[in-house]
Amino acid sequence: MGPLKIIPIELLEQEKLVLDVVQEYLDKNRYFNMKEILPFINSRFKMASINLNTRGIEEVLRSLVKKKLIVEGSKLSSKDILTVKKRKMIYNFILKNPGTYFYKIVRELKLSNHVVVWHLNILLKFNFIKMEELENHNIYFDSNFNEKDREFRYFISKERSKKIVECIKKNYFGITKTQLSIDLGMHINTITKYLESLEYFNVITKEKISKKRLFFFNENFTEDSY
């Protein structure tokens, strides 16, 4: 299955102890419920001579819920999330394609809508991914993804963006907006909109040469700068 996602949160010793017992409880195909699980944890701790009373256990459980390592009403914990093949596929796709959107996941992975919805919800509940809304699209990122460049990642992931950038790259001596429109079969207004964004993100540059405005790929541009 490959390595699971490493929890990027430092756990206290008591949290580790409680989480281990919670996992044992969930492995018996039970759902996590704060009240129902308390007697189970108490009995395990008494057997192991661990000095943590019921109130202390409740506080630790709330902390684990807050950290999204366990979720009320679920029979999963964070360590179970990527053991499901399709869910791991979706998660890895989001890692490799930050800013991707729902129908692209469905199309590229050849999964049904309801399967993708189900697994996205699990990944969101356990904080493996996060969702943002841009241009009326719900787009997805790894939960540790830097928020400042989410718009760039979303924009650059679009097929039209990629086609325009590739066309500009091929025209080393520059290309006009009109020629881009002709070569790519895109309306001039669409080309204008995308060029403005590509300039804003410093992917391309514009120069006026012999009364023509030509567009060039910015050789200094790297995606790592975002």
C-alpha atoms as a PDB file:
ATOM      1  CA  MET A   1       0.000   0.000   0.000  1.00  0.00           C
ATOM      2  CA  GLY A   2       2.969   2.323   0.472  1.00  0.00           C
ATOM      3  CA  PRO A   3       3.555   4.617   3.448  1.00  0.00           C
ATOM      4  CA  LEU A   4       0.578   6.263   5.099  1.00  0.00           C
ATOM      5  CA  LYS A   5       0.400   9.992   5.611  1.00  0.00           C
ATOM      6  CA  ILE A   6       2.494  11.016   8.597  1.00  0.00           C
ATOM      7  CA  ILE A   7       0.479  12.954  11.148  1.00  0.00           C
ATOM      8  CA  PRO A   8       2.096  16.415  11.187  1.00  0.00           C
ATOM      9  CA  ILE A   9       0.986  16.973  14.792  1.00  0.00           C
ATOM     10  CA  GLU A  10       3.132  16.167  17.800  1.00  0.00           C
ATOM     11  CA  LEU A  11       1.100  14.000  20.168  1.00  0.00           C
ATOM     12  CA  LEU A  12       1.460  14.013  23.931  1.00  0.00           C
ATOM     13  CA  GLU A  13       2.153  10.688  25.635  1.00  0.00           C
ATOM     14  CA  GLN A  14      -1.404  10.512  27.021  1.00  0.00           C
ATOM     15  CA  GLU A  15      -2.831  11.220  23.561  1.00  0.00           C
ATOM     16  CA  LYS A  16      -0.789   8.379  22.072  1.00  0.00           C
ATOM     17  CA  LEU A  17      -2.028   5.981  24.758  1.00  0.00           C
ATOM     18  CA  VAL A  18      -5.675   6.937  24.275  1.00  0.00           C
ATOM     19  CA  LEU A  19      -5.399   6.885  20.477  1.00  0.00           C
ATOM     20  CA  ASP A  20      -3.997   3.322  20.579  1.00  0.00           C
ATOM     21  CA  VAL A  21      -6.998   2.154  22.609  1.00  0.00           C
ATOM     22  CA  VAL A  22      -9.419   4.032  20.364  1.00  0.00           C
ATOM     23  CA  GLN A  23      -7.864   2.260  17.366  1.00  0.00           C
ATOM     24  CA  GLU A  24      -8.358  -1.100  19.096  1.00  0.00           C
ATOM     25  CA  TYR A  25     -12.014  -0.169  19.666  1.00  0.00           C
ATOM     26  CA  LEU A  26     -12.537   0.905  16.039  1.00  0.00           C
ATOM     27  CA  ASP A  27     -10.810  -2.234  14.730  1.00  0.00           C
ATOM     28  CA  LYS A  28     -13.761  -4.180  16.151  1.00  0.00           C
ATOM     29  CA  ASN A  29     -15.951  -2.443  13.522  1.00  0.00           C
ATOM     30  CA  ARG A  30     -17.393  -0.006  16.053  1.00  0.00           C
ATOM     31  CA  TYR A  31     -18.198   3.646  15.573  1.00  0.00           C
ATOM     32  CA  PHE A  32     -16.512   6.290  17.687  1.00  0.00           C
ATOM     33  CA  ASN A  33     -18.878   7.713  20.275  1.00  0.00           C
ATOM     34  CA  MET A  34     -17.468   9.657  23.222  1.00  0.00           C
ATOM     35  CA  LYS A  35     -19.843   8.223  25.860  1.00  0.00           C
ATOM     36  CA  GLU A  36     -19.802   4.638  24.612  1.00  0.00           C
ATOM     37  CA  ILE A  37     -16.028   4.404  24.300  1.00  0.00           C
ATOM     38  CA  LEU A  38     -15.213   5.718  27.802  1.00  0.00           C
ATOM     39  CA  PRO A  39     -15.906   2.419  29.684  1.00  0.00           C
ATOM     40  CA  PHE A  40     -13.772   0.558  27.124  1.00  0.00           C
ATOM     41  CA  ILE A  41     -10.809   2.907  27.590  1.00  0.00           C
ATOM     42  CA  ASN A  42     -11.216   2.902  31.383  1.00  0.00           C
ATOM     43  CA  SER A  43     -11.097  -0.896  31.505  1.00  0.00           C
ATOM     44  CA  ARG A  44      -7.994  -1.032  29.305  1.00  0.00           C
ATOM     45  CA  PHE A  45      -6.213   1.582  31.408  1.00  0.00           C
ATOM     46  CA  LYS A  46      -7.041  -0.221  34.655  1.00  0.00           C
ATOM     47  CA  MET A  47      -5.579  -3.435  33.249  1.00  0.00           C
ATOM     48  CA  ALA A  48      -2.427  -1.548  32.224  1.00  0.00           C
ATOM     49  CA  SER A  49      -2.263   0.429  35.517  1.00  0.00           C
ATOM     50  CA  ILE A  50      -2.392   3.738  33.671  1.00  0.00           C
ATOM     51  CA  ASN A  51      -3.331   6.581  36.017  1.00  0.00           C
ATOM     52  CA  LEU A  52      -5.805   8.638  33.959  1.00  0.00           C
ATOM     53  CA  ASN A  53      -9.342   9.200  35.233  1.00  0.00           C
ATOM     54  CA  THR A  54     -12.529   9.500  33.190  1.00  0.00           C
ATOM     55  CA  ARG A  55     -12.391  13.291  33.044  1.00  0.00           C
ATOM     56  CA  GLY A  56      -8.794  13.173  31.851  1.00  0.00           C
ATOM     57  CA  ILE A  57      -9.697  10.630  29.163  1.00  0.00           C
ATOM     58  CA  GLU A  58     -12.549  12.877  27.967  1.00  0.00           C
ATOM     59  CA  GLU A  59     -10.167  15.830  27.661  1.00  0.00           C
ATOM     60  CA  VAL A  60      -7.704  13.748  25.655  1.00  0.00           C
ATOM     61  CA  LEU A  61     -10.484  12.477  23.359  1.00  0.00           C
ATOM     62  CA  ARG A  62     -11.645  16.062  22.716  1.00  0.00           C
ATOM     63  CA  SER A  63      -8.079  16.990  21.829  1.00  0.00           C
ATOM     64  CA  LEU A  64      -7.828  14.086  19.369  1.00  0.00           C
ATOM     65  CA  VAL A  65     -11.155  15.084  17.798  1.00  0.00           C
ATOM     66  CA  LYS A  66      -9.981  18.701  17.517  1.00  0.00           C
ATOM     67  CA  LYS A  67      -6.820  17.502  15.764  1.00  0.00           C
ATOM     68  CA  LYS A  68      -9.056  15.443  13.429  1.00  0.00           C
ATOM     69  CA  LEU A  69      -7.330  12.187  14.265  1.00  0.00           C
ATOM     70  CA  ILE A  70     -10.701  10.682  15.159  1.00  0.00           C
ATOM     71  CA  VAL A  71     -14.191  11.781  14.113  1.00  0.00           C
ATOM     72  CA  GLU A  72     -17.461  11.406  16.022  1.00  0.00           C
ATOM     73  CA  GLY A  73     -19.724   8.825  14.378  1.00  0.00           C
ATOM     74  CA  SER A  74     -16.956   7.260  12.263  1.00  0.00           C
ATOM     75  CA  LYS A  75     -15.365   3.838  12.605  1.00  0.00           C
ATOM     76  CA  LEU A  76     -12.158   5.157  11.058  1.00  0.00           C
ATOM     77  CA  SER A  77      -9.117   6.852  12.553  1.00  0.00           C
ATOM     78  CA  SER A  78      -6.478   8.845  10.672  1.00  0.00           C
ATOM     79  CA  LYS A  79      -4.229   5.792  10.221  1.00  0.00           C
ATOM     80  CA  ASP A  80      -6.993   3.973   8.315  1.00  0.00           C
ATOM     81  CA  ILE A  81      -7.660   6.670   5.737  1.00  0.00           C
ATOM     82  CA  LEU A  82      -5.148   5.742   3.041  1.00  0.00           C
ATOM     83  CA  THR A  83      -5.597   1.977   3.347  1.00  0.00           C
ATOM     84  CA  VAL A  84      -8.471   2.191   0.827  1.00  0.00           C
ATOM     85  CA  LYS A  85      -7.085   1.986  -2.730  1.00  0.00           C
ATOM     86  CA  LYS A  86      -9.470   4.449  -4.427  1.00  0.00           C
ATOM     87  CA  ARG A  87      -9.197   6.982  -1.592  1.00  0.00           C
ATOM     88  CA  LYS A  88      -5.416   6.816  -1.783  1.00  0.00           C
ATOM     89  CA  MET A  89      -5.607   7.306  -5.568  1.00  0.00           C
ATOM     90  CA  ILE A  90      -7.702  10.441  -5.078  1.00  0.00           C
ATOM     91  CA  TYR A  91      -5.411  11.777  -2.360  1.00  0.00           C
ATOM     92  CA  ASN A  92      -2.258  11.192  -4.440  1.00  0.00           C
ATOM     93  CA  PHE A  93      -3.910  12.831  -7.453  1.00  0.00           C
ATOM     94  CA  ILE A  94      -4.638  15.947  -5.356  1.00  0.00           C
ATOM     95  CA  LEU A  95      -1.041  15.952  -4.088  1.00  0.00           C
ATOM     96  CA  LYS A  96       0.280  15.899  -7.664  1.00  0.00           C
ATOM     97  CA  ASN A  97      -2.368  18.311  -8.984  1.00  0.00           C
ATOM     98  CA  PRO A  98      -2.960  20.995  -6.350  1.00  0.00           C
ATOM     99  CA  GLY A  99      -5.961  23.129  -7.235  1.00  0.00           C
ATOM    100  CA  THR A 100      -7.714  20.300  -9.068  1.00  0.00           C
ATOM    101  CA  TYR A 101     -11.507  20.184  -9.141  1.00  0.00           C
ATOM    102  CA  PHE A 102     -14.171  17.509  -8.751  1.00  0.00           C
ATOM    103  CA  TYR A 103     -14.898  16.627 -12.384  1.00  0.00           C
ATOM    104  CA  LYS A 104     -11.215  16.484 -13.265  1.00  0.00           C
ATOM    105  CA  ILE A 105     -10.718  13.883 -10.516  1.00  0.00           C
ATOM    106  CA  VAL A 106     -13.694  11.910 -11.849  1.00  0.00           C
ATOM    107  CA  ARG A 107     -12.450  12.121 -15.447  1.00  0.00           C
ATOM    108  CA  GLU A 108      -8.760  11.451 -14.893  1.00  0.00           C
ATOM    109  CA  LEU A 109      -9.195   8.596 -12.409  1.00  0.00           C
ATOM    110  CA  LYS A 110     -12.236   7.146 -14.201  1.00  0.00           C
ATOM    111  CA  LEU A 111     -14.269   6.935 -11.005  1.00  0.00           C
ATOM    112  CA  SER A 112     -17.993   7.493 -10.532  1.00  0.00           C
ATOM    113  CA  ASN A 113     -19.292  10.755  -9.068  1.00  0.00           C
ATOM    114  CA  HIS A 114     -20.630   9.190  -5.863  1.00  0.00           C
ATOM    115  CA  VAL A 115     -17.369   7.321  -5.182  1.00  0.00           C
ATOM    116  CA  VAL A 116     -15.346  10.542  -5.500  1.00  0.00           C
ATOM    117  CA  VAL A 117     -17.817  12.461  -3.303  1.00  0.00           C
ATOM    118  CA  TRP A 118     -17.620   9.786  -0.595  1.00  0.00           C
ATOM    119  CA  HIS A 119     -13.819   9.657  -0.464  1.00  0.00           C
ATOM    120  CA  LEU A 120     -13.373  13.431  -0.704  1.00  0.00           C
ATOM    121  CA  ASN A 121     -15.659  13.830   2.319  1.00  0.00           C
ATOM    122  CA  ILE A 122     -13.574  11.334   4.320  1.00  0.00           C
ATOM    123  CA  LEU A 123     -10.333  13.079   3.350  1.00  0.00           C
ATOM    124  CA  LEU A 124     -11.830  16.429   4.357  1.00  0.00           C
ATOM    125  CA  LYS A 125     -13.179  15.127   7.688  1.00  0.00           C
ATOM    126  CA  PHE A 126      -9.771  13.833   8.698  1.00  0.00           C
ATOM    127  CA  ASN A 127      -7.933  16.921   7.455  1.00  0.00           C
ATOM    128  CA  PHE A 128      -5.907  15.159   4.753  1.00  0.00           C
ATOM    129  CA  ILE A 129      -7.107  17.740   2.240  1.00  0.00           C
ATOM    130  CA  LYS A 130      -8.806  21.125   2.261  1.00  0.00           C
ATOM    131  CA  MET A 131     -11.281  22.700  -0.120  1.00  0.00           C
ATOM    132  CA  GLU A 132     -11.415  26.262  -1.446  1.00  0.00           C
ATOM    133  CA  GLU A 133     -13.941  27.970  -3.717  1.00  0.00           C
ATOM    134  CA  LEU A 134     -12.630  29.852  -6.758  1.00  0.00           C
ATOM    135  CA  GLU A 135     -14.642  30.942  -9.807  1.00  0.00           C
ATOM    136  CA  ASN A 136     -17.640  28.906  -8.592  1.00  0.00           C
ATOM    137  CA  HIS A 137     -15.485  25.774  -8.476  1.00  0.00           C
ATOM    138  CA  ASN A 138     -14.664  23.747  -5.380  1.00  0.00           C
ATOM    139  CA  ILE A 139     -10.949  23.044  -5.687  1.00  0.00           C
ATOM    140  CA  TYR A 140      -8.825  20.726  -3.567  1.00  0.00           C
ATOM    141  CA  PHE A 141      -5.376  20.896  -1.989  1.00  0.00           C
ATOM    142  CA  ASP A 142      -3.307  18.906   0.467  1.00  0.00           C
ATOM    143  CA  SER A 143      -4.044  20.173   3.979  1.00  0.00           C
ATOM    144  CA  ASN A 144      -0.451  21.429   4.343  1.00  0.00           C
ATOM    145  CA  PHE A 145      -0.549  23.354   1.094  1.00  0.00           C
ATOM    146  CA  ASN A 146       0.496  27.001   1.284  1.00  0.00           C
ATOM    147  CA  GLU A 147      -2.639  29.131   0.925  1.00  0.00           C
ATOM    148  CA  LYS A 148      -0.918  32.099  -0.714  1.00  0.00           C
ATOM    149  CA  ASP A 149      -0.484  30.340  -4.054  1.00  0.00           C
ATOM    150  CA  ARG A 150      -3.785  28.433  -4.279  1.00  0.00           C
ATOM    151  CA  GLU A 151      -5.134  30.779  -6.994  1.00  0.00           C
ATOM    152  CA  PHE A 152      -2.008  30.298  -9.071  1.00  0.00           C
ATOM    153  CA  ARG A 153      -2.146  26.495  -8.798  1.00  0.00           C
ATOM    154  CA  TYR A 154      -5.795  26.460  -9.750  1.00  0.00           C
ATOM    155  CA  PHE A 155      -5.263  28.748 -12.714  1.00  0.00           C
ATOM    156  CA  ILE A 156      -2.144  27.048 -14.055  1.00  0.00           C
ATOM    157  CA  SER A 157      -3.833  23.630 -13.833  1.00  0.00           C
ATOM    158  CA  LYS A 158      -6.466  24.651 -16.392  1.00  0.00           C
ATOM    159  CA  GLU A 159      -6.127  23.045 -19.815  1.00  0.00           C
ATOM    160  CA  ARG A 160      -6.420  26.415 -21.570  1.00  0.00           C
ATOM    161  CA  SER A 161      -3.621  27.852 -19.450  1.00  0.00           C
ATOM    162  CA  LYS A 162      -1.376  24.934 -20.335  1.00  0.00           C
ATOM    163  CA  LYS A 163      -2.140  25.209 -24.054  1.00  0.00           C
ATOM    164  CA  ILE A 164      -1.465  28.960 -24.113  1.00  0.00           C
ATOM    165  CA  VAL A 165       1.810  28.610 -22.209  1.00  0.00           C
ATOM    166  CA  GLU A 166       2.998  25.772 -24.459  1.00  0.00           C
ATOM    167  CA  CYS A 167       2.159  27.776 -27.581  1.00  0.00           C
ATOM    168  CA  ILE A 168       4.047  30.816 -26.281  1.00  0.00           C
ATOM    169  CA  LYS A 169       7.035  28.633 -25.375  1.00  0.00           C
ATOM    170  CA  LYS A 170       7.202  27.265 -28.934  1.00  0.00           C
ATOM    171  CA  ASN A 171       7.232  30.793 -30.373  1.00  0.00           C
ATOM    172  CA  TYR A 172      10.628  31.803 -29.081  1.00  0.00           C
ATOM    173  CA  PHE A 173      10.582  35.131 -30.959  1.00  0.00           C
ATOM    174  CA  GLY A 174       7.192  36.095 -29.529  1.00  0.00           C
ATOM    175  CA  ILE A 175       3.586  35.734 -30.599  1.00  0.00           C
ATOM    176  CA  THR A 176       0.664  38.132 -30.825  1.00  0.00           C
ATOM    177  CA  LYS A 177      -2.664  37.758 -29.088  1.00  0.00           C
ATOM    178  CA  THR A 178      -4.408  37.415 -32.456  1.00  0.00           C
ATOM    179  CA  GLN A 179      -2.067  34.663 -33.610  1.00  0.00           C
ATOM    180  CA  LEU A 180      -2.595  32.788 -30.347  1.00  0.00           C
ATOM    181  CA  SER A 181      -6.341  33.006 -30.893  1.00  0.00           C
ATOM    182  CA  ILE A 182      -5.962  31.589 -34.423  1.00  0.00           C
ATOM    183  CA  ASP A 183      -3.481  28.855 -33.519  1.00  0.00           C
ATOM    184  CA  LEU A 184      -5.447  27.617 -30.509  1.00  0.00           C
ATOM    185  CA  GLY A 185      -8.955  28.197 -31.834  1.00  0.00           C
ATOM    186  CA  MET A 186      -9.908  30.282 -28.802  1.00  0.00           C
ATOM    187  CA  HIS A 187     -11.966  33.472 -28.806  1.00  0.00           C
ATOM    188  CA  ILE A 188      -9.850  36.621 -28.547  1.00  0.00           C
ATOM    189  CA  ASN A 189     -11.637  37.615 -25.321  1.00  0.00           C
ATOM    190  CA  THR A 190     -10.747  34.265 -23.743  1.00  0.00           C
ATOM    191  CA  ILE A 191      -7.125  34.649 -24.830  1.00  0.00           C
ATOM    192  CA  THR A 192      -7.051  38.173 -23.372  1.00  0.00           C
ATOM    193  CA  LYS A 193      -8.377  36.977 -20.010  1.00  0.00           C
ATOM    194  CA  TYR A 194      -5.807  34.197 -19.742  1.00  0.00           C
ATOM    195  CA  LEU A 195      -2.902  36.361 -20.887  1.00  0.00           C
ATOM    196  CA  GLU A 196      -3.717  38.939 -18.219  1.00  0.00           C
ATOM    197  CA  SER A 197      -3.604  36.256 -15.530  1.00  0.00           C
ATOM    198  CA  LEU A 198      -0.408  34.722 -16.896  1.00  0.00           C
ATOM    199  CA  GLU A 199       1.218  38.157 -16.824  1.00  0.00           C
ATOM    200  CA  TYR A 200      -0.019  38.721 -13.273  1.00  0.00           C
ATOM    201  CA  PHE A 201       1.611  35.463 -12.167  1.00  0.00           C
ATOM    202  CA  ASN A 202       4.833  36.346 -14.078  1.00  0.00           C
ATOM    203  CA  VAL A 203       4.578  33.263 -16.279  1.00  0.00           C
ATOM    204  CA  ILE A 204       4.824  35.388 -19.438  1.00  0.00           C
ATOM    205  CA  THR A 205       6.085  38.827 -20.403  1.00  0.00           C
ATOM    206  CA  LYS A 206       4.860  41.331 -23.000  1.00  0.00           C
ATOM    207  CA  GLU A 207       6.925  43.584 -25.274  1.00  0.00           C
ATOM    208  CA  LYS A 208       6.056  46.067 -28.000  1.00  0.00           C
ATOM    209  CA  ILE A 209       8.177  45.373 -31.091  1.00  0.00           C
ATOM    210  CA  SER A 210       7.582  47.039 -34.474  1.00  0.00           C
ATOM    211  CA  LYS A 211       4.146  48.244 -33.377  1.00  0.00           C
ATOM    212  CA  LYS A 212       3.167  44.704 -32.357  1.00  0.00           C
ATOM    213  CA  ARG A 213       2.554  43.523 -28.809  1.00  0.00           C
ATOM    214  CA  LEU A 214       4.330  40.193 -28.519  1.00  0.00           C
ATOM    215  CA  PHE A 215       4.115  37.687 -25.696  1.00  0.00           C
ATOM    216  CA  PHE A 216       7.080  35.643 -24.453  1.00  0.00           C
ATOM    217  CA  PHE A 217       7.551  32.916 -21.901  1.00  0.00           C
ATOM    218  CA  ASN A 218       9.355  34.252 -18.825  1.00  0.00           C
ATOM    219  CA  GLU A 219      12.552  32.189 -18.726  1.00  0.00           C
ATOM    220  CA  ASN A 220      13.068  33.195 -15.088  1.00  0.00           C
ATOM    221  CA  PHE A 221       9.735  31.777 -14.059  1.00  0.00           C
ATOM    222  CA  THR A 222       9.644  28.631 -11.893  1.00  0.00           C
ATOM    223  CA  GLU A 223       6.609  27.114 -10.222  1.00  0.00           C
ATOM    224  CA  ASP A 224       8.701  26.708  -7.084  1.00  0.00           C
ATOM    225  CA  SER A 225       8.576  30.465  -6.629  1.00  0.00           C
ATOM    226  CA  TYR A 226       4.900  30.121  -5.638  1.00  0.00           C
END
